């Protein structure tokens, strides 16, 4: 039986007070928590051990959070590791960049510990829901494996976050049907009350850079102007 409380979380932040606050609240909820104070230490711990979740500050000594996220997303062993960015950089451009690089969520400081725990649980709940039906779906050059949560394009593995995979799978399994941002939020992000509609656009844009030959002229993941997004039914 799936249990969130058995999950191991790595908190990466160079502010001891933040690490203590986050660790305390996660441990209180039953999670196992470790910490790292910089990007290099975090990368070494992730490669040496096994973690189920990463809470990552962006502004770190040495290896920055954004670069660490890129490294993890490009490594087959960690490409599906859930990542929540926790940072003082709260501008929209920073949030969008974080999501485009592959973060599953983005929380700005100062933050509510209860909200942080809620978001961690929401991401874990989302990725734990195993899709049903055939294990492999082919669409054009894409091969989507629902058992391994992996996608390849012309035999080349793609690097998708767990949220991007869920979004792509949801649309692919409903080819031809157009979904609004709100419908996709309800379906993929479900009961996460802190997610903005713009988040859908960011994930769609990043998906297109991965699965499309020409992201500016997509053949798979299309937009119905003024309505929403859909996957072409005739591929």
C-alpha atoms as a PDB file:
ATOM      1  CA  UNK A   1       0.000   0.000   0.000  1.00  0.00           C
ATOM      2  CA  UNK A   2       1.312   3.435  -0.912  1.00  0.00           C
ATOM      3  CA  UNK A   3       2.340   5.565   2.062  1.00  0.00           C
ATOM      4  CA  UNK A   4       3.484   9.168   1.808  1.00  0.00           C
ATOM      5  CA  UNK A   5       4.822   9.091   5.346  1.00  0.00           C
ATOM      6  CA  UNK A   6       7.580   6.634   4.427  1.00  0.00           C
ATOM      7  CA  UNK A   7       9.009   8.985   1.817  1.00  0.00           C
ATOM      8  CA  UNK A   8      12.546  10.346   2.102  1.00  0.00           C
ATOM      9  CA  UNK A   9      12.885  14.066   1.414  1.00  0.00           C
ATOM     10  CA  UNK A  10      16.088  16.036   0.832  1.00  0.00           C
ATOM     11  CA  UNK A  11      15.938  19.722   1.771  1.00  0.00           C
ATOM     12  CA  UNK A  12      18.591  21.820   0.014  1.00  0.00           C
ATOM     13  CA  UNK A  13      19.052  25.338   1.434  1.00  0.00           C
ATOM     14  CA  UNK A  14      21.996  27.327   2.776  1.00  0.00           C
ATOM     15  CA  UNK A  15      19.892  29.051   5.456  1.00  0.00           C
ATOM     16  CA  UNK A  16      19.970  26.921   8.644  1.00  0.00           C
ATOM     17  CA  UNK A  17      16.760  28.482   9.974  1.00  0.00           C
ATOM     18  CA  UNK A  18      14.874  27.542   6.804  1.00  0.00           C
ATOM     19  CA  UNK A  19      16.249  23.997   6.855  1.00  0.00           C
ATOM     20  CA  UNK A  20      15.231  23.634  10.514  1.00  0.00           C
ATOM     21  CA  UNK A  21      11.722  25.008   9.879  1.00  0.00           C
ATOM     22  CA  UNK A  22      11.077  22.851   6.820  1.00  0.00           C
ATOM     23  CA  UNK A  23      12.596  19.729   8.366  1.00  0.00           C
ATOM     24  CA  UNK A  24      10.608  20.128  11.588  1.00  0.00           C
ATOM     25  CA  UNK A  25       7.274  20.450   9.797  1.00  0.00           C
ATOM     26  CA  UNK A  26       7.942  17.561   7.424  1.00  0.00           C
ATOM     27  CA  UNK A  27       9.138  15.266  10.216  1.00  0.00           C
ATOM     28  CA  UNK A  28       6.051  16.195  12.231  1.00  0.00           C
ATOM     29  CA  UNK A  29       4.005  14.813   9.322  1.00  0.00           C
ATOM     30  CA  UNK A  30       5.955  11.551   9.349  1.00  0.00           C
ATOM     31  CA  UNK A  31       8.402  12.136   6.489  1.00  0.00           C
ATOM     32  CA  UNK A  32      12.057  11.136   6.673  1.00  0.00           C
ATOM     33  CA  UNK A  33      14.164  14.267   6.126  1.00  0.00           C
ATOM     34  CA  UNK A  34      17.809  14.907   5.268  1.00  0.00           C
ATOM     35  CA  UNK A  35      19.436  18.195   4.312  1.00  0.00           C
ATOM     36  CA  UNK A  36      22.247  19.710   2.274  1.00  0.00           C
ATOM     37  CA  UNK A  37      23.581  23.276   2.429  1.00  0.00           C
ATOM     38  CA  UNK A  38      24.796  23.593  -1.170  1.00  0.00           C
ATOM     39  CA  UNK A  39      24.273  22.141  -4.630  1.00  0.00           C
ATOM     40  CA  UNK A  40      27.404  19.975  -4.692  1.00  0.00           C
ATOM     41  CA  UNK A  41      26.559  18.336  -1.365  1.00  0.00           C
ATOM     42  CA  UNK A  42      22.990  17.730  -2.529  1.00  0.00           C
ATOM     43  CA  UNK A  43      24.115  16.152  -5.800  1.00  0.00           C
ATOM     44  CA  UNK A  44      26.533  13.865  -3.965  1.00  0.00           C
ATOM     45  CA  UNK A  45      23.835  12.742  -1.514  1.00  0.00           C
ATOM     46  CA  UNK A  46      21.309  12.124  -4.291  1.00  0.00           C
ATOM     47  CA  UNK A  47      23.780  10.036  -6.287  1.00  0.00           C
ATOM     48  CA  UNK A  48      24.865   8.078  -3.218  1.00  0.00           C
ATOM     49  CA  UNK A  49      21.452   7.452  -1.659  1.00  0.00           C
ATOM     50  CA  UNK A  50      17.794   7.227  -2.610  1.00  0.00           C
ATOM     51  CA  UNK A  51      15.402  10.105  -2.150  1.00  0.00           C
ATOM     52  CA  UNK A  52      11.732  10.347  -3.062  1.00  0.00           C
ATOM     53  CA  UNK A  53      11.457  14.128  -3.071  1.00  0.00           C
ATOM     54  CA  UNK A  54      13.634  17.241  -3.311  1.00  0.00           C
ATOM     55  CA  UNK A  55      12.920  20.686  -1.843  1.00  0.00           C
ATOM     56  CA  UNK A  56      15.403  22.961  -3.560  1.00  0.00           C
ATOM     57  CA  UNK A  57      16.487  26.555  -2.953  1.00  0.00           C
ATOM     58  CA  UNK A  58      17.615  28.390  -6.094  1.00  0.00           C
ATOM     59  CA  UNK A  59      20.241  30.702  -4.618  1.00  0.00           C
ATOM     60  CA  UNK A  60      22.886  28.299  -3.336  1.00  0.00           C
ATOM     61  CA  UNK A  61      26.666  28.567  -2.885  1.00  0.00           C
ATOM     62  CA  UNK A  62      28.556  27.023  -5.801  1.00  0.00           C
ATOM     63  CA  UNK A  63      26.205  24.899  -7.873  1.00  0.00           C
ATOM     64  CA  UNK A  64      22.982  26.892  -8.208  1.00  0.00           C
ATOM     65  CA  UNK A  65      19.548  25.388  -7.772  1.00  0.00           C
ATOM     66  CA  UNK A  66      18.522  25.859 -11.405  1.00  0.00           C
ATOM     67  CA  UNK A  67      21.643  24.072 -12.633  1.00  0.00           C
ATOM     68  CA  UNK A  68      21.171  21.238 -10.128  1.00  0.00           C
ATOM     69  CA  UNK A  69      17.614  20.830 -11.389  1.00  0.00           C
ATOM     70  CA  UNK A  70      18.880  20.634 -14.982  1.00  0.00           C
ATOM     71  CA  UNK A  71      21.458  17.989 -14.033  1.00  0.00           C
ATOM     72  CA  UNK A  72      18.865  15.857 -12.269  1.00  0.00           C
ATOM     73  CA  UNK A  73      16.344  16.135 -15.104  1.00  0.00           C
ATOM     74  CA  UNK A  74      18.984  15.065 -17.642  1.00  0.00           C
ATOM     75  CA  UNK A  75      20.026  11.997 -15.643  1.00  0.00           C
ATOM     76  CA  UNK A  76      17.858   8.909 -16.371  1.00  0.00           C
ATOM     77  CA  UNK A  77      18.172   7.837 -12.726  1.00  0.00           C
ATOM     78  CA  UNK A  78      16.742  11.090 -11.355  1.00  0.00           C
ATOM     79  CA  UNK A  79      14.696  12.538 -14.221  1.00  0.00           C
ATOM     80  CA  UNK A  80      11.425  11.667 -12.439  1.00  0.00           C
ATOM     81  CA  UNK A  81      12.501  12.825  -8.969  1.00  0.00           C
ATOM     82  CA  UNK A  82       9.789  15.229  -7.743  1.00  0.00           C
ATOM     83  CA  UNK A  83      11.246  18.698  -7.192  1.00  0.00           C
ATOM     84  CA  UNK A  84       9.682  21.663  -5.423  1.00  0.00           C
ATOM     85  CA  UNK A  85      11.655  24.893  -5.633  1.00  0.00           C
ATOM     86  CA  UNK A  86      11.618  27.023  -2.491  1.00  0.00           C
ATOM     87  CA  UNK A  87      13.110  30.450  -3.071  1.00  0.00           C
ATOM     88  CA  UNK A  88      13.012  34.171  -2.376  1.00  0.00           C
ATOM     89  CA  UNK A  89      12.968  34.830  -6.137  1.00  0.00           C
ATOM     90  CA  UNK A  90       9.252  35.335  -6.574  1.00  0.00           C
ATOM     91  CA  UNK A  91       9.039  37.177  -9.883  1.00  0.00           C
ATOM     92  CA  UNK A  92       6.855  35.570 -12.544  1.00  0.00           C
ATOM     93  CA  UNK A  93       9.826  35.099 -14.869  1.00  0.00           C
ATOM     94  CA  UNK A  94      11.634  33.120 -12.144  1.00  0.00           C
ATOM     95  CA  UNK A  95       8.615  30.895 -11.506  1.00  0.00           C
ATOM     96  CA  UNK A  96       8.184  30.224 -15.204  1.00  0.00           C
ATOM     97  CA  UNK A  97      11.875  29.430 -15.639  1.00  0.00           C
ATOM     98  CA  UNK A  98      11.791  27.048 -12.691  1.00  0.00           C
ATOM     99  CA  UNK A  99       8.784  25.186 -14.086  1.00  0.00           C
ATOM    100  CA  UNK A 100      10.257  25.096 -17.583  1.00  0.00           C
ATOM    101  CA  UNK A 101      13.472  23.543 -16.281  1.00  0.00           C
ATOM    102  CA  UNK A 102      11.410  20.771 -14.749  1.00  0.00           C
ATOM    103  CA  UNK A 103      10.264  21.690 -11.237  1.00  0.00           C
ATOM    104  CA  UNK A 104       6.956  20.151 -10.191  1.00  0.00           C
ATOM    105  CA  UNK A 105       6.054  23.174  -8.089  1.00  0.00           C
ATOM    106  CA  UNK A 106       7.472  26.558  -7.012  1.00  0.00           C
ATOM    107  CA  UNK A 107       7.055  28.161  -3.586  1.00  0.00           C
ATOM    108  CA  UNK A 108       8.294  31.646  -2.702  1.00  0.00           C
ATOM    109  CA  UNK A 109       9.716  32.817   0.616  1.00  0.00           C
ATOM    110  CA  UNK A 110       8.331  33.772   3.057  1.00  0.00           C
ATOM    111  CA  UNK A 111       6.072  30.726   3.035  1.00  0.00           C
ATOM    112  CA  UNK A 112       3.541  28.946   5.169  1.00  0.00           C
ATOM    113  CA  UNK A 113       4.875  25.615   6.526  1.00  0.00           C
ATOM    114  CA  UNK A 114       1.358  24.171   6.265  1.00  0.00           C
ATOM    115  CA  UNK A 115       1.164  25.199   2.618  1.00  0.00           C
ATOM    116  CA  UNK A 116       4.574  23.648   1.948  1.00  0.00           C
ATOM    117  CA  UNK A 117       3.525  20.329   3.466  1.00  0.00           C
ATOM    118  CA  UNK A 118       0.249  20.454   1.525  1.00  0.00           C
ATOM    119  CA  UNK A 119       2.088  21.006  -1.748  1.00  0.00           C
ATOM    120  CA  UNK A 120       4.546  18.199  -1.038  1.00  0.00           C
ATOM    121  CA  UNK A 121       1.672  15.829  -0.354  1.00  0.00           C
ATOM    122  CA  UNK A 122      -0.182  17.004  -3.463  1.00  0.00           C
ATOM    123  CA  UNK A 123       2.812  16.344  -5.740  1.00  0.00           C
ATOM    124  CA  UNK A 124       3.412  12.920  -4.174  1.00  0.00           C
ATOM    125  CA  UNK A 125      -0.257  12.051  -4.500  1.00  0.00           C
ATOM    126  CA  UNK A 126      -0.282  13.115  -8.134  1.00  0.00           C
ATOM    127  CA  UNK A 127       2.696  11.002  -9.160  1.00  0.00           C
ATOM    128  CA  UNK A 128       1.494   7.981  -7.186  1.00  0.00           C
ATOM    129  CA  UNK A 129      -1.672   7.607  -9.230  1.00  0.00           C
ATOM    130  CA  UNK A 130      -0.814   4.880 -11.704  1.00  0.00           C
ATOM    131  CA  UNK A 131      -2.505   5.233 -15.098  1.00  0.00           C
ATOM    132  CA  UNK A 132      -4.726   2.417 -16.270  1.00  0.00           C
ATOM    133  CA  UNK A 133      -5.122   0.647 -19.587  1.00  0.00           C
ATOM    134  CA  UNK A 134      -2.460  -0.380 -22.107  1.00  0.00           C
ATOM    135  CA  UNK A 135       1.061   0.112 -20.837  1.00  0.00           C
ATOM    136  CA  UNK A 136       2.416   1.657 -24.044  1.00  0.00           C
ATOM    137  CA  UNK A 137       0.860   4.295 -26.301  1.00  0.00           C
ATOM    138  CA  UNK A 138       2.251   5.217 -29.713  1.00  0.00           C
ATOM    139  CA  UNK A 139       1.448   8.572 -31.237  1.00  0.00           C
ATOM    140  CA  UNK A 140       3.458   9.662 -34.249  1.00  0.00           C
ATOM    141  CA  UNK A 141       7.133   9.336 -33.307  1.00  0.00           C
ATOM    142  CA  UNK A 142       6.306   9.268 -29.606  1.00  0.00           C
ATOM    143  CA  UNK A 143       6.303   6.151 -27.448  1.00  0.00           C
ATOM    144  CA  UNK A 144       4.661   6.657 -24.052  1.00  0.00           C
ATOM    145  CA  UNK A 145       5.214   3.946 -21.442  1.00  0.00           C
ATOM    146  CA  UNK A 146       2.705   4.260 -18.615  1.00  0.00           C
ATOM    147  CA  UNK A 147       4.396   1.619 -16.483  1.00  0.00           C
ATOM    148  CA  UNK A 148       7.821   3.277 -16.413  1.00  0.00           C
ATOM    149  CA  UNK A 149       6.511   6.858 -16.725  1.00  0.00           C
ATOM    150  CA  UNK A 150       8.837   7.396 -19.676  1.00  0.00           C
ATOM    151  CA  UNK A 151       8.537   8.937 -23.123  1.00  0.00           C
ATOM    152  CA  UNK A 152      10.782   8.498 -26.136  1.00  0.00           C
ATOM    153  CA  UNK A 153      10.781  10.157 -29.519  1.00  0.00           C
ATOM    154  CA  UNK A 154      12.217   8.123 -32.373  1.00  0.00           C
ATOM    155  CA  UNK A 155      13.957   5.848 -29.820  1.00  0.00           C
ATOM    156  CA  UNK A 156      15.517   8.872 -28.072  1.00  0.00           C
ATOM    157  CA  UNK A 157      14.464   9.151 -24.394  1.00  0.00           C
ATOM    158  CA  UNK A 158      12.905  12.460 -23.407  1.00  0.00           C
ATOM    159  CA  UNK A 159      13.340  14.161 -20.051  1.00  0.00           C
ATOM    160  CA  UNK A 160       9.907  14.985 -18.629  1.00  0.00           C
ATOM    161  CA  UNK A 161       8.947  15.840 -15.085  1.00  0.00           C
ATOM    162  CA  UNK A 162       6.239  13.730 -13.473  1.00  0.00           C
ATOM    163  CA  UNK A 163       3.730  16.547 -13.951  1.00  0.00           C
ATOM    164  CA  UNK A 164       4.612  16.957 -17.622  1.00  0.00           C
ATOM    165  CA  UNK A 165       4.165  13.227 -18.117  1.00  0.00           C
ATOM    166  CA  UNK A 166       0.747  13.264 -16.439  1.00  0.00           C
ATOM    167  CA  UNK A 167      -0.359  16.234 -18.542  1.00  0.00           C
ATOM    168  CA  UNK A 168       0.818  14.675 -21.800  1.00  0.00           C
ATOM    169  CA  UNK A 169      -0.749  11.332 -20.967  1.00  0.00           C
ATOM    170  CA  UNK A 170      -4.063  12.928 -20.025  1.00  0.00           C
ATOM    171  CA  UNK A 171      -4.293  14.726 -23.370  1.00  0.00           C
ATOM    172  CA  UNK A 172      -3.019  11.775 -25.433  1.00  0.00           C
ATOM    173  CA  UNK A 173      -5.593   9.433 -23.913  1.00  0.00           C
ATOM    174  CA  UNK A 174      -8.293  11.905 -24.910  1.00  0.00           C
ATOM    175  CA  UNK A 175      -7.100  12.765 -28.411  1.00  0.00           C
ATOM    176  CA  UNK A 176      -9.205  15.287 -30.269  1.00  0.00           C
ATOM    177  CA  UNK A 177     -10.907  16.724 -27.182  1.00  0.00           C
ATOM    178  CA  UNK A 178     -10.084  20.327 -26.261  1.00  0.00           C
ATOM    179  CA  UNK A 179      -9.448  21.148 -22.593  1.00  0.00           C
ATOM    180  CA  UNK A 180      -9.351  24.570 -20.982  1.00  0.00           C
ATOM    181  CA  UNK A 181      -6.669  25.550 -18.463  1.00  0.00           C
ATOM    182  CA  UNK A 182      -9.130  25.089 -15.598  1.00  0.00           C
ATOM    183  CA  UNK A 183     -10.130  21.625 -16.820  1.00  0.00           C
ATOM    184  CA  UNK A 184      -6.485  20.584 -17.036  1.00  0.00           C
ATOM    185  CA  UNK A 185      -5.784  21.989 -13.579  1.00  0.00           C
ATOM    186  CA  UNK A 186      -8.690  19.962 -12.188  1.00  0.00           C
ATOM    187  CA  UNK A 187      -7.597  16.796 -13.997  1.00  0.00           C
ATOM    188  CA  UNK A 188      -3.813  16.855 -13.570  1.00  0.00           C
ATOM    189  CA  UNK A 189      -3.198  19.042 -10.525  1.00  0.00           C
ATOM    190  CA  UNK A 190      -6.517  17.970  -8.931  1.00  0.00           C
ATOM    191  CA  UNK A 191      -6.961  19.459  -5.439  1.00  0.00           C
ATOM    192  CA  UNK A 192      -3.836  21.631  -5.411  1.00  0.00           C
ATOM    193  CA  UNK A 193      -5.382  24.970  -4.493  1.00  0.00           C
ATOM    194  CA  UNK A 194      -2.156  26.949  -4.937  1.00  0.00           C
ATOM    195  CA  UNK A 195      -1.581  26.362  -8.650  1.00  0.00           C
ATOM    196  CA  UNK A 196      -2.068  29.263 -11.053  1.00  0.00           C
ATOM    197  CA  UNK A 197      -3.682  28.765 -14.501  1.00  0.00           C
ATOM    198  CA  UNK A 198      -0.459  30.118 -16.078  1.00  0.00           C
ATOM    199  CA  UNK A 199       1.256  26.954 -14.818  1.00  0.00           C
ATOM    200  CA  UNK A 200      -0.591  24.969 -17.509  1.00  0.00           C
ATOM    201  CA  UNK A 201       0.842  27.209 -20.239  1.00  0.00           C
ATOM    202  CA  UNK A 202       4.367  26.754 -18.898  1.00  0.00           C
ATOM    203  CA  UNK A 203       4.078  22.967 -18.887  1.00  0.00           C
ATOM    204  CA  UNK A 204       2.535  22.924 -22.351  1.00  0.00           C
ATOM    205  CA  UNK A 205       5.366  25.088 -23.681  1.00  0.00           C
ATOM    206  CA  UNK A 206       8.029  22.850 -22.146  1.00  0.00           C
ATOM    207  CA  UNK A 207       6.306  19.721 -23.457  1.00  0.00           C
ATOM    208  CA  UNK A 208       6.330  21.176 -26.953  1.00  0.00           C
ATOM    209  CA  UNK A 209      10.078  21.824 -26.794  1.00  0.00           C
ATOM    210  CA  UNK A 210      10.511  18.124 -26.040  1.00  0.00           C
ATOM    211  CA  UNK A 211       8.000  16.319 -28.232  1.00  0.00           C
ATOM    212  CA  UNK A 212       7.627  18.597 -31.272  1.00  0.00           C
ATOM    213  CA  UNK A 213      10.013  18.865 -34.227  1.00  0.00           C
ATOM    214  CA  UNK A 214       9.036  22.542 -34.465  1.00  0.00           C
ATOM    215  CA  UNK A 215       7.593  23.796 -31.145  1.00  0.00           C
ATOM    216  CA  UNK A 216       6.337  26.988 -32.810  1.00  0.00           C
ATOM    217  CA  UNK A 217       4.307  24.900 -35.259  1.00  0.00           C
ATOM    218  CA  UNK A 218       3.244  21.833 -33.232  1.00  0.00           C
ATOM    219  CA  UNK A 219       1.842  18.707 -34.852  1.00  0.00           C
ATOM    220  CA  UNK A 220       0.957  16.836 -31.654  1.00  0.00           C
ATOM    221  CA  UNK A 221       0.071  19.260 -28.871  1.00  0.00           C
ATOM    222  CA  UNK A 222      -2.117  22.003 -30.307  1.00  0.00           C
ATOM    223  CA  UNK A 223      -3.938  25.116 -29.158  1.00  0.00           C
ATOM    224  CA  UNK A 224      -7.551  25.970 -29.916  1.00  0.00           C
ATOM    225  CA  UNK A 225      -7.343  29.737 -29.588  1.00  0.00           C
ATOM    226  CA  UNK A 226      -9.528  31.105 -26.838  1.00  0.00           C
ATOM    227  CA  UNK A 227     -10.524  27.631 -25.643  1.00  0.00           C
ATOM    228  CA  UNK A 228      -7.597  25.450 -24.640  1.00  0.00           C
ATOM    229  CA  UNK A 229      -5.251  22.620 -25.611  1.00  0.00           C
ATOM    230  CA  UNK A 230      -5.628  19.265 -27.310  1.00  0.00           C
ATOM    231  CA  UNK A 231      -3.732  16.431 -28.976  1.00  0.00           C
ATOM    232  CA  UNK A 232      -4.446  15.992 -32.689  1.00  0.00           C
ATOM    233  CA  UNK A 233      -6.782  13.030 -33.147  1.00  0.00           C
ATOM    234  CA  UNK A 234      -5.564  11.990 -36.597  1.00  0.00           C
ATOM    235  CA  UNK A 235      -1.874  11.384 -35.777  1.00  0.00           C
END
